[in-house]
């Protein structure tokens, strides 16, 4: 399953996101099982599945907080002045 961009995930409804999270968690469980018995050919899929779940959980959390789609990406962190060292 190819990775999905966060912008595409934000277009999905909450039930669709929850369903995709559930499906990806099942896939991750199967990948871990295959890895434990030595049948997993593409080891990178485990890390990809974890990242995909994290992406979906992040978007789901944004929806729960009511964050606007562009608002989460557009806010830069405020710049801080370097503090003087004490001698």
N, C-alpha and C. Protein backbone atom coordinates (compact mmCIF):
# COMPACT_ATOMS: atom_id res chain seq x y z
N UNK A 1 0.84 -1.16 0.00
CA UNK A 1 0.00 0.00 0.00
C UNK A 1 0.90 1.24 0.00
N UNK A 2 0.74 2.14 -1.01
CA UNK A 2 1.59 3.32 -1.06
C UNK A 2 1.24 4.30 0.06
N UNK A 3 2.22 5.11 0.44
CA UNK A 3 1.98 6.06 1.50
C UNK A 3 1.03 7.15 1.02
N UNK A 4 0.24 7.66 1.93
CA UNK A 4 -0.74 8.67 1.62
C UNK A 4 -0.29 10.00 2.19
N UNK A 5 -0.44 11.06 1.43
CA UNK A 5 -0.04 12.39 1.88
C UNK A 5 -1.04 12.88 2.93
N UNK A 6 -0.57 13.67 3.90
CA UNK A 6 -1.49 14.21 4.91
C UNK A 6 -2.61 15.05 4.30
N UNK A 7 -2.34 15.75 3.20
CA UNK A 7 -3.39 16.56 2.56
C UNK A 7 -4.51 15.66 2.05
N UNK A 8 -4.16 14.47 1.57
CA UNK A 8 -5.20 13.53 1.12
C UNK A 8 -5.96 12.95 2.29
N UNK A 9 -5.25 12.71 3.41
CA UNK A 9 -5.91 12.16 4.59
C UNK A 9 -6.89 13.15 5.21
N UNK A 10 -6.56 14.44 5.11
CA UNK A 10 -7.44 15.46 5.70
C UNK A 10 -8.79 15.54 4.98
N UNK A 11 -8.84 15.07 3.75
CA UNK A 11 -10.09 15.08 2.98
C UNK A 11 -11.05 13.98 3.43
N UNK A 12 -10.54 12.97 4.13
CA UNK A 12 -11.37 11.84 4.55
C UNK A 12 -12.19 12.20 5.78
N UNK A 13 -13.31 11.52 5.97
CA UNK A 13 -14.12 11.73 7.16
C UNK A 13 -13.52 10.94 8.33
N UNK A 14 -13.99 11.23 9.53
CA UNK A 14 -13.47 10.57 10.73
C UNK A 14 -13.69 9.06 10.68
N UNK A 15 -14.90 8.57 10.33
CA UNK A 15 -15.07 7.10 10.26
C UNK A 15 -14.16 6.44 9.21
N UNK A 16 -13.93 7.12 8.08
CA UNK A 16 -13.04 6.56 7.07
C UNK A 16 -11.61 6.47 7.59
N UNK A 17 -11.17 7.52 8.31
CA UNK A 17 -9.83 7.51 8.90
C UNK A 17 -9.69 6.39 9.92
N UNK A 18 -10.69 6.23 10.77
CA UNK A 18 -10.65 5.17 11.78
C UNK A 18 -10.58 3.79 11.13
N UNK A 19 -11.31 3.60 10.04
CA UNK A 19 -11.30 2.33 9.32
C UNK A 19 -9.92 2.07 8.72
N UNK A 20 -9.31 3.11 8.13
CA UNK A 20 -7.98 2.95 7.54
C UNK A 20 -6.93 2.67 8.60
N UNK A 21 -7.07 3.31 9.77
CA UNK A 21 -6.14 3.04 10.88
C UNK A 21 -6.26 1.59 11.30
N UNK A 22 -7.48 1.13 11.46
CA UNK A 22 -7.72 -0.26 11.86
C UNK A 22 -7.13 -1.23 10.83
N UNK A 23 -7.33 -0.97 9.55
CA UNK A 23 -6.80 -1.84 8.49
C UNK A 23 -5.27 -1.85 8.50
N UNK A 24 -4.68 -0.68 8.69
CA UNK A 24 -3.22 -0.59 8.68
C UNK A 24 -2.62 -1.27 9.91
N UNK A 25 -3.32 -1.20 11.04
CA UNK A 25 -2.84 -1.90 12.24
C UNK A 25 -2.88 -3.41 12.03
N UNK A 26 -3.92 -3.90 11.34
CA UNK A 26 -3.99 -5.33 11.03
C UNK A 26 -2.84 -5.73 10.10
N UNK A 27 -2.57 -4.87 9.12
CA UNK A 27 -1.47 -5.14 8.20
C UNK A 27 -0.14 -5.17 8.96
N UNK A 28 0.04 -4.23 9.89
CA UNK A 28 1.27 -4.19 10.69
C UNK A 28 1.42 -5.45 11.52
N UNK A 29 0.32 -5.94 12.10
CA UNK A 29 0.37 -7.17 12.88
C UNK A 29 0.81 -8.35 12.00
N UNK A 30 0.25 -8.42 10.79
CA UNK A 30 0.62 -9.49 9.87
C UNK A 30 2.09 -9.39 9.45
N UNK A 31 2.56 -8.16 9.22
CA UNK A 31 3.96 -7.96 8.85
C UNK A 31 4.89 -8.39 9.98
N UNK A 32 4.52 -8.06 11.22
CA UNK A 32 5.34 -8.46 12.37
C UNK A 32 5.37 -9.98 12.51
N UNK A 33 4.24 -10.60 12.26
CA UNK A 33 4.18 -12.07 12.34
C UNK A 33 5.08 -12.69 11.27
N UNK A 34 4.98 -12.17 10.05
CA UNK A 34 5.83 -12.69 8.97
C UNK A 34 7.30 -12.48 9.29
N UNK A 35 7.62 -11.34 9.89
CA UNK A 35 9.00 -11.05 10.25
C UNK A 35 9.52 -12.02 11.31
N UNK A 36 8.66 -12.37 12.26
CA UNK A 36 9.09 -13.25 13.34
C UNK A 36 9.37 -14.67 12.88
N UNK A 37 8.68 -15.10 11.82
CA UNK A 37 8.92 -16.46 11.32
C UNK A 37 9.84 -16.48 10.10
N UNK A 38 10.39 -15.28 9.75
CA UNK A 38 11.37 -15.21 8.68
C UNK A 38 10.82 -15.22 7.28
N UNK A 39 9.57 -14.88 7.09
CA UNK A 39 8.98 -14.89 5.75
C UNK A 39 8.82 -13.49 5.14
N UNK A 40 9.26 -12.46 5.85
CA UNK A 40 9.07 -11.10 5.36
C UNK A 40 10.20 -10.72 4.42
N UNK A 41 9.85 -10.43 3.17
CA UNK A 41 10.84 -10.05 2.17
C UNK A 41 11.15 -8.56 2.21
N UNK A 42 10.13 -7.76 2.44
CA UNK A 42 10.30 -6.29 2.41
C UNK A 42 10.24 -5.75 3.85
N UNK A 43 11.38 -5.74 4.50
CA UNK A 43 11.44 -5.32 5.90
C UNK A 43 11.04 -3.87 6.11
N UNK A 44 11.21 -3.04 5.11
CA UNK A 44 10.88 -1.63 5.23
C UNK A 44 9.38 -1.39 5.39
N UNK A 45 8.56 -2.36 5.03
CA UNK A 45 7.11 -2.20 5.14
C UNK A 45 6.66 -2.03 6.59
N UNK A 46 7.38 -2.59 7.55
CA UNK A 46 7.02 -2.45 8.96
C UNK A 46 7.12 -0.98 9.35
N UNK A 47 8.22 -0.35 9.03
CA UNK A 47 8.41 1.07 9.36
C UNK A 47 7.42 1.95 8.61
N UNK A 48 7.16 1.62 7.35
CA UNK A 48 6.20 2.40 6.56
C UNK A 48 4.80 2.32 7.17
N UNK A 49 4.41 1.13 7.61
CA UNK A 49 3.08 0.96 8.21
C UNK A 49 2.97 1.77 9.50
N UNK A 50 4.05 1.78 10.30
CA UNK A 50 4.04 2.57 11.54
C UNK A 50 3.89 4.05 11.24
N UNK A 51 4.63 4.52 10.24
CA UNK A 51 4.55 5.94 9.88
C UNK A 51 3.16 6.30 9.35
N UNK A 52 2.60 5.39 8.56
CA UNK A 52 1.26 5.63 8.00
C UNK A 52 0.23 5.74 9.13
N UNK A 53 0.32 4.87 10.12
CA UNK A 53 -0.59 4.92 11.27
C UNK A 53 -0.40 6.24 12.01
N UNK A 54 0.85 6.65 12.21
CA UNK A 54 1.13 7.91 12.90
C UNK A 54 0.55 9.09 12.14
N UNK A 55 0.69 9.09 10.81
CA UNK A 55 0.13 10.16 9.99
C UNK A 55 -1.39 10.25 10.16
N UNK A 56 -2.04 9.09 10.09
CA UNK A 56 -3.50 9.07 10.20
C UNK A 56 -3.95 9.49 11.60
N UNK A 57 -3.22 9.06 12.63
CA UNK A 57 -3.57 9.44 14.00
C UNK A 57 -3.39 10.95 14.20
N UNK A 58 -2.38 11.53 13.57
CA UNK A 58 -2.16 12.97 13.66
C UNK A 58 -3.32 13.73 13.03
N UNK A 59 -3.73 13.31 11.85
CA UNK A 59 -4.85 13.97 11.17
C UNK A 59 -6.14 13.80 11.97
N UNK A 60 -6.32 12.62 12.55
CA UNK A 60 -7.50 12.37 13.37
C UNK A 60 -7.51 13.29 14.60
N UNK A 61 -6.34 13.48 15.21
CA UNK A 61 -6.22 14.39 16.35
C UNK A 61 -6.49 15.82 15.96
N UNK A 62 -6.03 16.22 14.78
CA UNK A 62 -6.31 17.58 14.29
C UNK A 62 -7.81 17.78 14.11
N UNK A 63 -8.46 16.77 13.57
CA UNK A 63 -9.91 16.88 13.37
C UNK A 63 -10.63 16.96 14.71
N UNK A 64 -10.15 16.23 15.72
CA UNK A 64 -10.78 16.24 17.03
C UNK A 64 -10.61 17.61 17.70
N UNK A 65 -9.46 18.26 17.46
CA UNK A 65 -9.21 19.58 18.03
C UNK A 65 -9.85 20.68 17.21
N UNK A 66 -10.24 20.37 16.00
CA UNK A 66 -10.87 21.36 15.13
C UNK A 66 -9.87 22.25 14.42
N UNK A 67 -8.67 21.75 14.20
CA UNK A 67 -7.64 22.52 13.51
C UNK A 67 -7.99 22.58 12.03
N UNK A 68 -7.86 23.76 11.44
CA UNK A 68 -8.13 23.92 10.01
C UNK A 68 -7.04 23.22 9.20
N UNK A 69 -7.36 22.86 7.97
CA UNK A 69 -6.44 22.09 7.13
C UNK A 69 -5.11 22.79 6.90
N UNK A 70 -5.09 24.04 6.52
CA UNK A 70 -3.85 24.74 6.25
C UNK A 70 -3.20 25.32 7.48
N UNK A 71 -3.94 25.44 8.55
CA UNK A 71 -3.46 26.08 9.77
C UNK A 71 -2.32 25.31 10.42
N UNK A 72 -2.39 23.99 10.42
CA UNK A 72 -1.37 23.18 11.07
C UNK A 72 -0.05 23.26 10.32
N UNK A 73 -0.10 23.41 9.00
CA UNK A 73 1.12 23.43 8.21
C UNK A 73 1.73 24.83 8.13
N UNK A 74 0.91 25.87 8.15
CA UNK A 74 1.36 27.22 7.86
C UNK A 74 2.01 27.94 9.04
N UNK A 75 1.76 27.54 10.27
CA UNK A 75 2.28 28.26 11.42
C UNK A 75 3.75 27.96 11.66
N UNK A 76 4.62 28.95 11.44
CA UNK A 76 6.02 28.72 11.77
C UNK A 76 6.25 28.90 13.27
N UNK A 77 7.26 28.27 13.78
CA UNK A 77 7.58 28.40 15.20
C UNK A 77 8.15 29.79 15.43
N UNK A 78 7.80 30.42 16.55
CA UNK A 78 8.33 31.76 16.82
C UNK A 78 9.84 31.70 17.07
N UNK A 79 10.54 32.69 16.56
CA UNK A 79 11.99 32.74 16.72
C UNK A 79 12.32 33.21 18.14
N UNK A 80 13.32 32.58 18.75
CA UNK A 80 13.72 32.96 20.10
C UNK A 80 15.13 33.52 20.05
N UNK A 81 15.36 34.53 20.89
CA UNK A 81 16.69 35.12 20.96
C UNK A 81 17.60 34.19 21.75
N UNK A 82 18.86 34.12 21.36
CA UNK A 82 19.78 33.31 22.16
C UNK A 82 20.03 33.99 23.50
N UNK A 83 20.07 33.22 24.55
CA UNK A 83 20.26 33.76 25.89
C UNK A 83 21.75 33.89 26.19
N UNK A 84 22.07 34.91 26.95
CA UNK A 84 23.46 35.12 27.34
C UNK A 84 23.84 34.10 28.42
N UNK A 85 25.05 33.60 28.34
CA UNK A 85 25.52 32.63 29.32
C UNK A 85 25.96 33.35 30.59
N UNK A 86 25.72 32.71 31.70
CA UNK A 86 26.21 33.25 32.98
C UNK A 86 27.63 32.77 33.20
N UNK A 87 28.45 33.65 33.70
CA UNK A 87 29.85 33.30 33.92
C UNK A 87 30.07 32.56 35.21
